[in-house]
Amino acid sequence: MAEPKTVTVYSDYKSPYAYLAKDLAYALETEFPGRLEWLPYVLDIPSYLGSAELDAEGRVARAERNAHQWRRVRYSYMDCRREARKRGLTILGTRKIWDSAPAAIAMLFAKRQGDAVFRGYHDRVFDRFWRRELDIEDSAVLLAVLAEAGADTAGLMDFLADEGRRELDAIHEAAHEAGVFGVPSFVIDGELFWGREHLPVIRDILRAG
């Protein structure tokens, strides 16, 4: 028999497309032998969509974004909300471009403590962030989420500052060598797929063994 395959999934908490792909990716493990290897990929959104920040009333307080970029951003949220409504999910537009690196490093910390802790953390962060209920830059907030997910949080702060940062950098380097440029991205048998619309193809690869 063929060895069970691994699907590497690159994800970022500040991507609504990655949020919408999460549960669909989980389903692969229930349908086929094999495993998902979840890895963080922190998007540099200003490099391709510019940057903007809203005030408490939702008005643009600061922006470095051209008209084309604004149209792309508005369409992206409209597109994601359409899908979210079908699935009973909430996606509220963010008020700024977040640095998701702390949450990404905490994800690596959660992974080390098993699937149950990882999924408990992963699900809570995605769900609460897109409801505007969670600060993904605040290490104390992330520690509380990890504890809620059942993690032993001893050593988290040191991990965020040192080892976890180096691990995240190494993951980014390997991702770039594999051709990754956005999320959600999936790698199976050395082949890269960008976007949840490719999950049927990945399902066919897994089915064929």
N, C-alpha and C. Protein backbone atom coordinates (compact mmCIF):
# COMPACT_ATOMS: atom_id res chain seq x y z
N MET A 1 0.83 -1.19 0.00
CA MET A 1 0.00 0.00 0.00
C MET A 1 0.87 1.26 0.00
N ALA A 2 0.38 2.30 -0.66
CA ALA A 2 1.12 3.55 -0.69
C ALA A 2 1.12 4.19 0.69
N GLU A 3 2.19 4.89 0.97
CA GLU A 3 2.29 5.62 2.23
C GLU A 3 1.26 6.74 2.26
N PRO A 4 0.62 6.97 3.42
CA PRO A 4 -0.31 8.12 3.52
C PRO A 4 0.41 9.41 3.19
N LYS A 5 -0.27 10.29 2.51
CA LYS A 5 0.34 11.54 2.07
C LYS A 5 0.18 12.64 3.12
N THR A 6 1.09 13.59 3.06
CA THR A 6 1.01 14.79 3.89
C THR A 6 0.65 15.97 3.01
N VAL A 7 -0.32 16.74 3.46
CA VAL A 7 -0.68 17.99 2.79
C VAL A 7 -0.20 19.13 3.68
N THR A 8 0.73 19.91 3.18
CA THR A 8 1.20 21.08 3.93
C THR A 8 0.27 22.25 3.63
N VAL A 9 -0.22 22.87 4.70
CA VAL A 9 -1.17 23.98 4.58
C VAL A 9 -0.53 25.24 5.16
N TYR A 10 -0.35 26.25 4.32
CA TYR A 10 0.17 27.54 4.78
C TYR A 10 -1.02 28.46 5.03
N SER A 11 -1.02 29.10 6.20
CA SER A 11 -2.17 29.89 6.62
C SER A 11 -1.72 31.13 7.38
N ASP A 12 -2.60 32.14 7.39
CA ASP A 12 -2.33 33.38 8.14
C ASP A 12 -3.65 33.85 8.75
N TYR A 13 -3.61 34.16 10.03
CA TYR A 13 -4.85 34.54 10.74
C TYR A 13 -5.47 35.81 10.20
N LYS A 14 -4.70 36.69 9.56
CA LYS A 14 -5.30 37.93 9.07
C LYS A 14 -5.82 37.79 7.64
N SER A 15 -5.87 36.59 7.12
CA SER A 15 -6.43 36.36 5.79
C SER A 15 -7.83 35.76 5.91
N PRO A 16 -8.87 36.46 5.43
CA PRO A 16 -10.20 35.86 5.46
C PRO A 16 -10.31 34.64 4.57
N TYR A 17 -9.51 34.60 3.50
CA TYR A 17 -9.53 33.42 2.63
C TYR A 17 -8.96 32.20 3.35
N ALA A 18 -7.93 32.41 4.17
CA ALA A 18 -7.38 31.31 4.96
C ALA A 18 -8.40 30.82 5.98
N TYR A 19 -9.15 31.74 6.57
CA TYR A 19 -10.20 31.37 7.53
C TYR A 19 -11.24 30.49 6.85
N LEU A 20 -11.67 30.88 5.66
CA LEU A 20 -12.70 30.11 4.96
C LEU A 20 -12.19 28.75 4.52
N ALA A 21 -10.89 28.59 4.36
CA ALA A 21 -10.32 27.31 3.93
C ALA A 21 -10.10 26.34 5.09
N LYS A 22 -10.07 26.85 6.31
CA LYS A 22 -9.65 26.03 7.46
C LYS A 22 -10.49 24.76 7.63
N ASP A 23 -11.79 24.90 7.77
CA ASP A 23 -12.63 23.73 8.02
C ASP A 23 -12.68 22.81 6.81
N LEU A 24 -12.57 23.36 5.61
CA LEU A 24 -12.55 22.53 4.41
C LEU A 24 -11.29 21.68 4.37
N ALA A 25 -10.19 22.26 4.84
CA ALA A 25 -8.94 21.49 4.92
C ALA A 25 -9.03 20.42 6.00
N TYR A 26 -9.61 20.76 7.15
CA TYR A 26 -9.79 19.75 8.20
C TYR A 26 -10.49 18.51 7.65
N ALA A 27 -11.47 18.73 6.77
CA ALA A 27 -12.28 17.61 6.27
C ALA A 27 -11.44 16.59 5.52
N LEU A 28 -10.31 17.01 4.96
CA LEU A 28 -9.46 16.08 4.24
C LEU A 28 -8.99 14.95 5.15
N GLU A 29 -8.68 15.29 6.40
CA GLU A 29 -8.17 14.26 7.33
C GLU A 29 -9.25 13.28 7.74
N THR A 30 -10.50 13.67 7.66
CA THR A 30 -11.59 12.75 8.00
C THR A 30 -11.96 11.86 6.82
N GLU A 31 -11.62 12.29 5.62
CA GLU A 31 -12.00 11.54 4.41
C GLU A 31 -10.91 10.60 3.92
N PHE A 32 -9.64 10.92 4.20
CA PHE A 32 -8.54 10.16 3.62
C PHE A 32 -7.47 9.89 4.68
N PRO A 33 -6.70 8.80 4.50
CA PRO A 33 -5.52 8.62 5.35
C PRO A 33 -4.50 9.71 5.03
N GLY A 34 -3.67 9.99 5.96
CA GLY A 34 -2.69 11.05 5.77
C GLY A 34 -2.86 12.11 6.83
N ARG A 35 -2.14 13.20 6.66
CA ARG A 35 -2.18 14.24 7.67
C ARG A 35 -2.00 15.61 7.04
N LEU A 36 -2.45 16.60 7.79
CA LEU A 36 -2.22 17.99 7.42
C LEU A 36 -1.07 18.54 8.25
N GLU A 37 -0.16 19.20 7.59
CA GLU A 37 0.94 19.88 8.28
C GLU A 37 0.67 21.37 8.17
N TRP A 38 0.13 21.94 9.25
CA TRP A 38 -0.21 23.36 9.24
C TRP A 38 1.03 24.21 9.53
N LEU A 39 1.29 25.19 8.68
CA LEU A 39 2.43 26.07 8.87
C LEU A 39 1.99 27.53 8.69
N PRO A 40 2.56 28.42 9.47
CA PRO A 40 2.20 29.84 9.33
C PRO A 40 2.96 30.49 8.19
N TYR A 41 2.26 31.39 7.51
CA TYR A 41 2.88 32.23 6.48
C TYR A 41 2.32 33.63 6.67
N VAL A 42 3.15 34.52 7.18
CA VAL A 42 2.70 35.86 7.53
C VAL A 42 2.74 36.76 6.29
N LEU A 43 1.58 37.19 5.86
CA LEU A 43 1.47 38.00 4.66
C LEU A 43 2.02 39.41 4.88
N ASP A 44 2.68 39.92 3.85
CA ASP A 44 3.13 41.32 3.85
C ASP A 44 2.13 42.10 3.00
N ILE A 45 0.97 42.40 3.57
CA ILE A 45 -0.13 42.98 2.80
C ILE A 45 0.22 44.35 2.21
N PRO A 46 0.90 45.24 2.94
CA PRO A 46 1.19 46.56 2.34
C PRO A 46 2.00 46.47 1.05
N SER A 47 2.77 45.40 0.87
CA SER A 47 3.62 45.31 -0.32
C SER A 47 2.81 45.14 -1.60
N TYR A 48 1.56 44.65 -1.48
CA TYR A 48 0.78 44.47 -2.70
C TYR A 48 -0.63 45.08 -2.64
N LEU A 49 -1.11 45.41 -1.45
CA LEU A 49 -2.43 46.03 -1.35
C LEU A 49 -2.39 47.39 -0.66
N GLY A 50 -1.20 47.88 -0.37
CA GLY A 50 -1.11 49.13 0.35
C GLY A 50 -1.56 48.96 1.79
N SER A 51 -1.69 50.06 2.51
CA SER A 51 -2.10 49.99 3.91
C SER A 51 -3.14 51.06 4.21
N ALA A 52 -3.93 50.79 5.25
CA ALA A 52 -4.95 51.74 5.68
C ALA A 52 -5.32 51.44 7.12
N GLU A 53 -5.84 52.45 7.80
CA GLU A 53 -6.29 52.29 9.18
C GLU A 53 -7.58 53.08 9.35
N LEU A 54 -8.56 52.45 10.03
CA LEU A 54 -9.85 53.10 10.26
C LEU A 54 -9.95 53.60 11.68
N ASP A 55 -10.78 54.64 11.90
CA ASP A 55 -11.02 55.11 13.25
C ASP A 55 -12.16 54.32 13.88
N ALA A 56 -12.54 54.67 15.09
CA ALA A 56 -13.56 53.92 15.82
C ALA A 56 -14.91 53.92 15.11
N GLU A 57 -15.16 54.94 14.29
CA GLU A 57 -16.43 55.02 13.55
C GLU A 57 -16.37 54.36 12.19
N GLY A 58 -15.21 53.76 11.87
CA GLY A 58 -15.07 53.09 10.59
C GLY A 58 -14.65 53.99 9.44
N ARG A 59 -14.29 55.23 9.74
CA ARG A 59 -13.81 56.14 8.72
C ARG A 59 -12.31 55.94 8.50
N VAL A 60 -11.84 56.18 7.30
CA VAL A 60 -10.41 56.03 7.00
C VAL A 60 -9.63 57.13 7.70
N ALA A 61 -8.78 56.73 8.64
CA ALA A 61 -7.98 57.71 9.37
C ALA A 61 -6.62 57.91 8.70
N ARG A 62 -6.12 56.88 8.05
CA ARG A 62 -4.81 56.94 7.37
C ARG A 62 -4.81 55.92 6.27
N ALA A 63 -4.27 56.27 5.10
CA ALA A 63 -4.25 55.31 4.00
C ALA A 63 -3.06 55.57 3.08
N GLU A 64 -2.42 54.49 2.67
CA GLU A 64 -1.40 54.51 1.63
C GLU A 64 -1.81 53.43 0.63
N ARG A 65 -2.86 53.72 -0.12
CA ARG A 65 -3.47 52.72 -0.99
C ARG A 65 -4.09 53.45 -2.19
N ASN A 66 -3.80 52.98 -3.40
CA ASN A 66 -4.37 53.63 -4.57
C ASN A 66 -5.78 53.11 -4.86
N ALA A 67 -6.44 53.71 -5.86
CA ALA A 67 -7.84 53.36 -6.14
C ALA A 67 -7.98 51.90 -6.53
N HIS A 68 -7.03 51.41 -7.31
CA HIS A 68 -7.08 49.99 -7.72
C HIS A 68 -7.00 49.07 -6.50
N GLN A 69 -6.10 49.41 -5.58
CA GLN A 69 -5.95 48.58 -4.38
C GLN A 69 -7.21 48.62 -3.52
N TRP A 70 -7.85 49.79 -3.41
CA TRP A 70 -9.10 49.87 -2.65
C TRP A 70 -10.17 48.98 -3.28
N ARG A 71 -10.26 48.96 -4.59
CA ARG A 71 -11.26 48.12 -5.25
C ARG A 71 -10.99 46.65 -4.96
N ARG A 72 -9.74 46.25 -5.00
CA ARG A 72 -9.39 44.85 -4.71
C ARG A 72 -9.76 44.47 -3.28
N VAL A 73 -9.44 45.37 -2.34
CA VAL A 73 -9.73 45.09 -0.93
C VAL A 73 -11.24 44.97 -0.71
N ARG A 74 -11.98 45.92 -1.26
CA ARG A 74 -13.44 45.90 -1.06
C ARG A 74 -14.06 44.66 -1.69
N TYR A 75 -13.59 44.30 -2.87
CA TYR A 75 -14.12 43.09 -3.50
C TYR A 75 -13.78 41.85 -2.66
N SER A 76 -12.56 41.79 -2.16
CA SER A 76 -12.14 40.62 -1.37
C SER A 76 -13.06 40.40 -0.17
N TYR A 77 -13.37 41.49 0.55
CA TYR A 77 -14.26 41.34 1.70
C TYR A 77 -15.67 40.96 1.27
N MET A 78 -16.16 41.55 0.18
CA MET A 78 -17.47 41.19 -0.31
C MET A 78 -17.52 39.71 -0.68
N ASP A 79 -16.49 39.24 -1.36
CA ASP A 79 -16.41 37.84 -1.79
C ASP A 79 -16.38 36.91 -0.58
N CYS A 80 -15.56 37.24 0.41
CA CYS A 80 -15.44 36.39 1.60
C CYS A 80 -16.73 36.39 2.42
N ARG A 81 -17.38 37.54 2.52
CA ARG A 81 -18.63 37.59 3.30
C ARG A 81 -19.73 36.77 2.64
N ARG A 82 -19.76 36.76 1.31
CA ARG A 82 -20.75 35.92 0.61
C ARG A 82 -20.60 34.47 1.04
N GLU A 83 -19.36 33.97 1.03
CA GLU A 83 -19.11 32.58 1.41
C GLU A 83 -19.36 32.37 2.89
N ALA A 84 -18.94 33.34 3.72
CA ALA A 84 -19.12 33.21 5.16
C ALA A 84 -20.60 33.09 5.53
N ARG A 85 -21.46 33.87 4.88
CA ARG A 85 -22.89 33.81 5.18
C ARG A 85 -23.45 32.42 4.88
N LYS A 86 -23.00 31.79 3.83
CA LYS A 86 -23.48 30.46 3.49
C LYS A 86 -23.15 29.45 4.58
N ARG A 87 -22.06 29.69 5.30
CA ARG A 87 -21.56 28.72 6.28
C ARG A 87 -21.76 29.15 7.72
N GLY A 88 -22.48 30.25 7.93
CA GLY A 88 -22.76 30.71 9.29
C GLY A 88 -21.55 31.28 10.00
N LEU A 89 -20.60 31.82 9.25
CA LEU A 89 -19.39 32.41 9.83
C LEU A 89 -19.49 33.93 9.79
N THR A 90 -18.72 34.58 10.66
CA THR A 90 -18.69 36.04 10.71
C THR A 90 -17.34 36.54 10.25
N ILE A 91 -17.34 37.46 9.30
CA ILE A 91 -16.11 38.11 8.86
C ILE A 91 -16.35 39.62 8.87
N LEU A 92 -15.76 40.29 9.85
CA LEU A 92 -15.84 41.75 9.95
C LEU A 92 -14.51 42.32 9.46
N GLY A 93 -14.59 43.34 8.63
CA GLY A 93 -13.37 43.95 8.12
C GLY A 93 -12.49 44.46 9.24
N THR A 94 -11.18 44.30 9.08
CA THR A 94 -10.25 44.75 10.12
C THR A 94 -10.06 46.27 10.03
N ARG A 95 -9.70 46.87 11.15
CA ARG A 95 -9.53 48.32 11.21
C ARG A 95 -8.09 48.74 10.88
N LYS A 96 -7.19 47.79 10.77
CA LYS A 96 -5.81 48.09 10.41
C LYS A 96 -5.20 46.81 9.85
N ILE A 97 -3.98 46.92 9.34
CA ILE A 97 -3.25 45.73 8.92
C ILE A 97 -2.44 45.23 10.10
N TRP A 98 -2.81 44.06 10.56
CA TRP A 98 -2.23 43.51 11.79
C TRP A 98 -0.90 42.80 11.52
N ASP A 99 -0.06 42.81 12.52
CA ASP A 99 1.15 41.97 12.51
C ASP A 99 0.75 40.63 13.11
N SER A 100 0.57 39.63 12.27
CA SER A 100 0.10 38.34 12.75
C SER A 100 1.24 37.41 13.18
N ALA A 101 2.48 37.91 13.16
CA ALA A 101 3.61 37.06 13.54
C ALA A 101 3.49 36.50 14.96
N PRO A 102 3.11 37.30 15.98
CA PRO A 102 2.98 36.71 17.32
C PRO A 102 1.98 35.56 17.37
N ALA A 103 0.83 35.71 16.70
CA ALA A 103 -0.16 34.62 16.68
C ALA A 103 0.36 33.42 15.91
N ALA A 104 1.15 33.67 14.87
CA ALA A 104 1.73 32.59 14.09
C ALA A 104 2.74 31.79 14.92
N ILE A 105 3.55 32.50 15.68
CA ILE A 105 4.54 31.82 16.52
C ILE A 105 3.84 31.04 17.63
N ALA A 106 2.78 31.63 18.20
CA ALA A 106 2.01 30.91 19.21
C ALA A 106 1.36 29.67 18.62
N MET A 107 1.01 29.71 17.33
CA MET A 107 0.49 28.52 16.65
C MET A 107 1.53 27.41 16.64
N LEU A 108 2.79 27.76 16.38
CA LEU A 108 3.86 26.76 16.41
C LEU A 108 4.01 26.17 17.81
N PHE A 109 3.85 27.02 18.81
CA PHE A 109 3.90 26.57 20.20
C PHE A 109 2.77 25.59 20.48
N ALA A 110 1.57 25.90 19.98
CA ALA A 110 0.42 25.01 20.17
C ALA A 110 0.62 23.67 19.48
N LYS A 111 1.20 23.69 18.28
CA LYS A 111 1.42 22.45 17.53
C LYS A 111 2.26 21.45 18.30
N ARG A 112 3.21 21.96 19.07
CA ARG A 112 4.11 21.09 19.82
C ARG A 112 3.38 20.31 20.92
N GLN A 113 2.14 20.72 21.22
CA GLN A 113 1.41 20.08 22.31
C GLN A 113 0.25 19.21 21.81
N GLY A 114 0.30 18.87 20.52
CA GLY A 114 -0.66 17.91 19.99
C GLY A 114 -1.81 18.53 19.22
N ASP A 115 -2.52 17.67 18.50
CA ASP A 115 -3.58 18.14 17.61
C ASP A 115 -4.72 18.82 18.36
N ALA A 116 -5.09 18.30 19.52
CA ALA A 116 -6.23 18.87 20.24
C ALA A 116 -5.93 20.32 20.66
N VAL A 117 -4.74 20.54 21.18
CA VAL A 117 -4.36 21.90 21.59
C VAL A 117 -4.24 22.79 20.36
N PHE A 118 -3.61 22.27 19.31
CA PHE A 118 -3.46 23.07 18.09
C PHE A 118 -4.82 23.50 17.55
N ARG A 119 -5.73 22.56 17.39
CA ARG A 119 -7.03 22.92 16.82
C ARG A 119 -7.81 23.84 17.75
N GLY A 120 -7.72 23.62 19.04
CA GLY A 120 -8.40 24.51 19.98
C GLY A 120 -7.91 25.94 19.86
N TYR A 121 -6.61 26.09 19.71
CA TYR A 121 -6.02 27.42 19.54
C TYR A 121 -6.38 27.99 18.17
N HIS A 122 -6.15 27.21 17.14
CA HIS A 122 -6.35 27.63 15.75
C HIS A 122 -7.79 28.11 15.52
N ASP A 123 -8.74 27.33 15.99
CA ASP A 123 -10.15 27.68 15.79
C ASP A 123 -10.52 28.95 16.54
N ARG A 124 -10.08 29.05 17.79
CA ARG A 124 -10.43 30.22 18.60
C ARG A 124 -9.84 31.50 18.01
N VAL A 125 -8.59 31.44 17.58
CA VAL A 125 -7.95 32.65 17.07
C VAL A 125 -8.65 33.12 15.80
N PHE A 126 -8.87 32.20 14.86
CA PHE A 126 -9.56 32.60 13.63
C PHE A 126 -10.94 33.16 13.93
N ASP A 127 -11.74 32.45 14.68
CA ASP A 127 -13.12 32.86 14.93
C ASP A 127 -13.19 34.22 15.64
N ARG A 128 -12.40 34.39 16.68
CA ARG A 128 -12.48 35.62 17.46
C ARG A 128 -11.86 36.81 16.75
N PHE A 129 -10.77 36.55 16.02
CA PHE A 129 -10.15 37.66 15.29
C PHE A 129 -11.12 38.24 14.27
N TRP A 130 -11.82 37.40 13.55
CA TRP A 130 -12.72 37.90 12.51
C TRP A 130 -14.04 38.42 13.06
N ARG A 131 -14.26 38.28 14.36
CA ARG A 131 -15.36 38.96 15.04
C ARG A 131 -14.88 40.24 15.71
N ARG A 132 -13.61 40.57 15.53
CA ARG A 132 -12.96 41.73 16.20
C ARG A 132 -12.97 41.57 17.71
N GLU A 133 -12.77 40.34 18.17
CA GLU A 133 -12.79 40.05 19.61
C GLU A 133 -11.42 39.63 20.14
N LEU A 134 -10.38 39.67 19.29
CA LEU A 134 -9.09 39.15 19.72
C LEU A 134 -7.97 39.95 19.07
N ASP A 135 -6.99 40.33 19.90
CA ASP A 135 -5.82 41.08 19.45
C ASP A 135 -4.69 40.09 19.16
N ILE A 136 -4.40 39.84 17.90
CA ILE A 136 -3.40 38.83 17.54
C ILE A 136 -1.97 39.34 17.71
N GLU A 137 -1.82 40.59 18.14
CA GLU A 137 -0.47 41.12 18.39
C GLU A 137 -0.11 41.06 19.88
N ASP A 138 -1.07 40.77 20.74
CA ASP A 138 -0.90 40.85 22.19
C ASP A 138 -0.53 39.48 22.75
N SER A 139 0.70 39.34 23.24
CA SER A 139 1.17 38.04 23.72
C SER A 139 0.38 37.55 24.93
N ALA A 140 -0.08 38.46 25.78
CA ALA A 140 -0.87 38.05 26.94
C ALA A 140 -2.22 37.47 26.50
N VAL A 141 -2.81 38.06 25.47
CA VAL A 141 -4.07 37.55 24.93
C VAL A 141 -3.86 36.17 24.33
N LEU A 142 -2.77 36.01 23.59
CA LEU A 142 -2.47 34.72 22.96
C LEU A 142 -2.21 33.65 24.02
N LEU A 143 -1.54 34.02 25.09
CA LEU A 143 -1.30 33.09 26.18
C LEU A 143 -2.62 32.59 26.76
N ALA A 144 -3.56 33.51 26.94
CA ALA A 144 -4.86 33.13 27.49
C ALA A 144 -5.60 32.17 26.56
N VAL A 145 -5.51 32.41 25.26
CA VAL A 145 -6.16 31.51 24.30
C VAL A 145 -5.51 30.13 24.34
N LEU A 146 -4.20 30.09 24.42
CA LEU A 146 -3.50 28.81 24.52
C LEU A 146 -3.93 28.04 25.77
N ALA A 147 -4.00 28.75 26.88
CA ALA A 147 -4.42 28.10 28.12
C ALA A 147 -5.84 27.56 28.00
N GLU A 148 -6.71 28.34 27.37
CA GLU A 148 -8.10 27.90 27.16
C GLU A 148 -8.15 26.65 26.29
N ALA A 149 -7.20 26.54 25.36
CA ALA A 149 -7.15 25.38 24.47
C ALA A 149 -6.51 24.16 25.13
N GLY A 150 -6.03 24.34 26.36
CA GLY A 150 -5.46 23.21 27.09
C GLY A 150 -3.96 23.12 27.05
N ALA A 151 -3.30 24.18 26.60
CA ALA A 151 -1.84 24.16 26.49
C ALA A 151 -1.17 24.43 27.83
N ASP A 152 0.02 23.87 27.99
CA ASP A 152 0.93 24.26 29.06
C ASP A 152 1.67 25.48 28.53
N THR A 153 1.42 26.64 29.09
CA THR A 153 1.95 27.89 28.54
C THR A 153 3.33 28.27 29.08
N ALA A 154 3.91 27.44 29.94
CA ALA A 154 5.24 27.74 30.46
C ALA A 154 6.22 27.85 29.30
N GLY A 155 6.98 28.91 29.30
CA GLY A 155 7.99 29.10 28.26
C GLY A 155 7.49 29.82 27.02
N LEU A 156 6.22 30.20 26.99
CA LEU A 156 5.68 30.83 25.78
C LEU A 156 6.37 32.14 25.47
N MET A 157 6.58 32.99 26.46
CA MET A 157 7.14 34.31 26.19
C MET A 157 8.55 34.20 25.62
N ASP A 158 9.36 33.29 26.15
CA ASP A 158 10.70 33.08 25.60
C ASP A 158 10.61 32.55 24.17
N PHE A 159 9.65 31.66 23.94
CA PHE A 159 9.47 31.10 22.60
C PHE A 159 9.08 32.18 21.61
N LEU A 160 8.20 33.09 22.01
CA LEU A 160 7.78 34.18 21.13
C LEU A 160 8.96 35.09 20.76
N ALA A 161 9.86 35.28 21.71
CA ALA A 161 10.94 36.24 21.51
C ALA A 161 12.14 35.66 20.77
N ASP A 162 12.33 34.33 20.85
CA ASP A 162 13.58 33.77 20.35
C ASP A 162 13.36 32.58 19.42
N GLU A 163 13.21 31.39 20.00
CA GLU A 163 13.16 30.17 19.20
C GLU A 163 12.01 30.18 18.19
N GLY A 164 10.85 30.64 18.62
CA GLY A 164 9.70 30.66 17.72
C GLY A 164 9.90 31.61 16.56
N ARG A 165 10.51 32.76 16.81
CA ARG A 165 10.79 33.71 15.74
C ARG A 165 11.74 33.09 14.71
N ARG A 166 12.77 32.40 15.19
CA ARG A 166 13.71 31.76 14.26
C ARG A 166 13.03 30.65 13.47
N GLU A 167 12.15 29.90 14.13
CA GLU A 167 11.42 28.85 13.43
C GLU A 167 10.50 29.44 12.35
N LEU A 168 9.82 30.53 12.68
CA LEU A 168 8.95 31.18 11.70
C LEU A 168 9.76 31.67 10.50
N ASP A 169 10.91 32.25 10.74
CA ASP A 169 11.76 32.73 9.65
C ASP A 169 12.18 31.57 8.74
N ALA A 170 12.52 30.43 9.35
CA ALA A 170 12.93 29.26 8.57
C ALA A 170 11.77 28.73 7.73
N ILE A 171 10.55 28.76 8.30
CA ILE A 171 9.37 28.32 7.56
C ILE A 171 9.13 29.22 6.37
N HIS A 172 9.27 30.53 6.56
CA HIS A 172 9.10 31.47 5.45
C HIS A 172 10.12 31.20 4.34
N GLU A 173 11.36 30.95 4.72
CA GLU A 173 12.39 30.70 3.72
C GLU A 173 12.06 29.45 2.91
N ALA A 174 11.65 28.39 3.59
CA ALA A 174 11.29 27.15 2.89
C ALA A 174 10.05 27.35 2.03
N ALA A 175 9.10 28.13 2.53
CA ALA A 175 7.88 28.40 1.76
C ALA A 175 8.21 29.13 0.47
N HIS A 176 9.10 30.10 0.54
CA HIS A 176 9.47 30.85 -0.66
C HIS A 176 10.19 29.95 -1.65
N GLU A 177 11.00 29.04 -1.16
CA GLU A 177 11.68 28.10 -2.06
C GLU A 177 10.67 27.19 -2.75
N ALA A 178 9.55 26.91 -2.07
CA ALA A 178 8.50 26.08 -2.66
C ALA A 178 7.57 26.87 -3.58
N GLY A 179 7.76 28.19 -3.64
CA GLY A 179 6.94 29.02 -4.52
C GLY A 179 5.76 29.69 -3.85
N VAL A 180 5.63 29.54 -2.54
CA VAL A 180 4.48 30.12 -1.83
C VAL A 180 4.55 31.64 -1.87
N PHE A 181 3.41 32.26 -2.13
CA PHE A 181 3.33 33.73 -2.16
C PHE A 181 2.08 34.25 -1.48
N GLY A 182 1.16 33.36 -1.11
CA GLY A 182 -0.09 33.79 -0.48
C GLY A 182 -0.73 32.64 0.25
N VAL A 183 -1.85 32.93 0.88
CA VAL A 183 -2.58 31.90 1.64
C VAL A 183 -4.06 31.94 1.26
N PRO A 184 -4.75 30.81 1.42
CA PRO A 184 -4.20 29.52 1.82
C PRO A 184 -3.44 28.88 0.66
N SER A 185 -2.31 28.28 0.98
CA SER A 185 -1.55 27.51 0.00
C SER A 185 -1.41 26.08 0.50
N PHE A 186 -1.45 25.16 -0.45
CA PHE A 186 -1.36 23.74 -0.13
C PHE A 186 -0.25 23.13 -0.97
N VAL A 187 0.56 22.29 -0.34
CA VAL A 187 1.62 21.59 -1.06
C VAL A 187 1.42 20.09 -0.83
N ILE A 188 1.31 19.34 -1.93
CA ILE A 188 1.19 17.88 -1.86
C ILE A 188 2.02 17.29 -2.98
N ASP A 189 2.83 16.31 -2.64
CA ASP A 189 3.73 15.67 -3.61
C ASP A 189 4.61 16.71 -4.31
N GLY A 190 4.99 17.75 -3.57
CA GLY A 190 5.85 18.78 -4.12
C GLY A 190 5.16 19.77 -5.04
N GLU A 191 3.84 19.65 -5.19
CA GLU A 191 3.10 20.54 -6.08
C GLU A 191 2.33 21.57 -5.26
N LEU A 192 2.39 22.82 -5.71
CA LEU A 192 1.79 23.94 -4.98
C LEU A 192 0.43 24.28 -5.56
N PHE A 193 -0.55 24.50 -4.66
CA PHE A 193 -1.88 24.95 -5.04
C PHE A 193 -2.24 26.15 -4.16
N TRP A 194 -2.69 27.23 -4.77
CA TRP A 194 -3.06 28.44 -4.02
C TRP A 194 -4.57 28.62 -4.09
N GLY A 195 -5.20 28.66 -2.93
CA GLY A 195 -6.62 28.93 -2.86
C GLY A 195 -7.46 27.70 -2.59
N ARG A 196 -8.56 27.90 -1.85
CA ARG A 196 -9.39 26.78 -1.46
C ARG A 196 -10.11 26.14 -2.64
N GLU A 197 -10.19 26.86 -3.78
CA GLU A 197 -10.86 26.29 -4.94
C GLU A 197 -10.11 25.09 -5.51
N HIS A 198 -8.85 24.89 -5.07
CA HIS A 198 -8.09 23.74 -5.55
C HIS A 198 -8.24 22.51 -4.65
N LEU A 199 -9.01 22.63 -3.59
CA LEU A 199 -9.19 21.48 -2.70
C LEU A 199 -9.79 20.26 -3.41
N PRO A 200 -10.71 20.40 -4.37
CA PRO A 200 -11.18 19.21 -5.09
C PRO A 200 -10.04 18.47 -5.81
N VAL A 201 -9.07 19.21 -6.34
CA VAL A 201 -7.92 18.57 -6.99
C VAL A 201 -7.08 17.82 -5.96
N ILE A 202 -6.86 18.46 -4.82
CA ILE A 202 -6.10 17.81 -3.75
C ILE A 202 -6.84 16.56 -3.27
N ARG A 203 -8.16 16.64 -3.19
CA ARG A 203 -8.97 15.49 -2.80
C ARG A 203 -8.78 14.34 -3.80
N ASP A 204 -8.72 14.66 -5.08
CA ASP A 204 -8.51 13.63 -6.10
C ASP A 204 -7.13 12.99 -5.96
N ILE A 205 -6.12 13.79 -5.65
CA ILE A 205 -4.77 13.24 -5.45
C ILE A 205 -4.76 12.28 -4.25
N LEU A 206 -5.41 12.67 -3.18
CA LEU A 206 -5.47 11.83 -1.99
C LEU A 206 -6.27 10.55 -2.28
N ARG A 207 -7.34 10.68 -3.04
CA ARG A 207 -8.16 9.51 -3.37
C ARG A 207 -7.37 8.50 -4.20
N ALA A 208 -6.52 9.02 -5.10
CA ALA A 208 -5.73 8.14 -5.96
C ALA A 208 -4.59 7.48 -5.20
N GLY A 209 -4.29 8.02 -4.03
CA GLY A 209 -3.22 7.44 -3.21
C GLY A 209 -1.85 7.77 -3.76
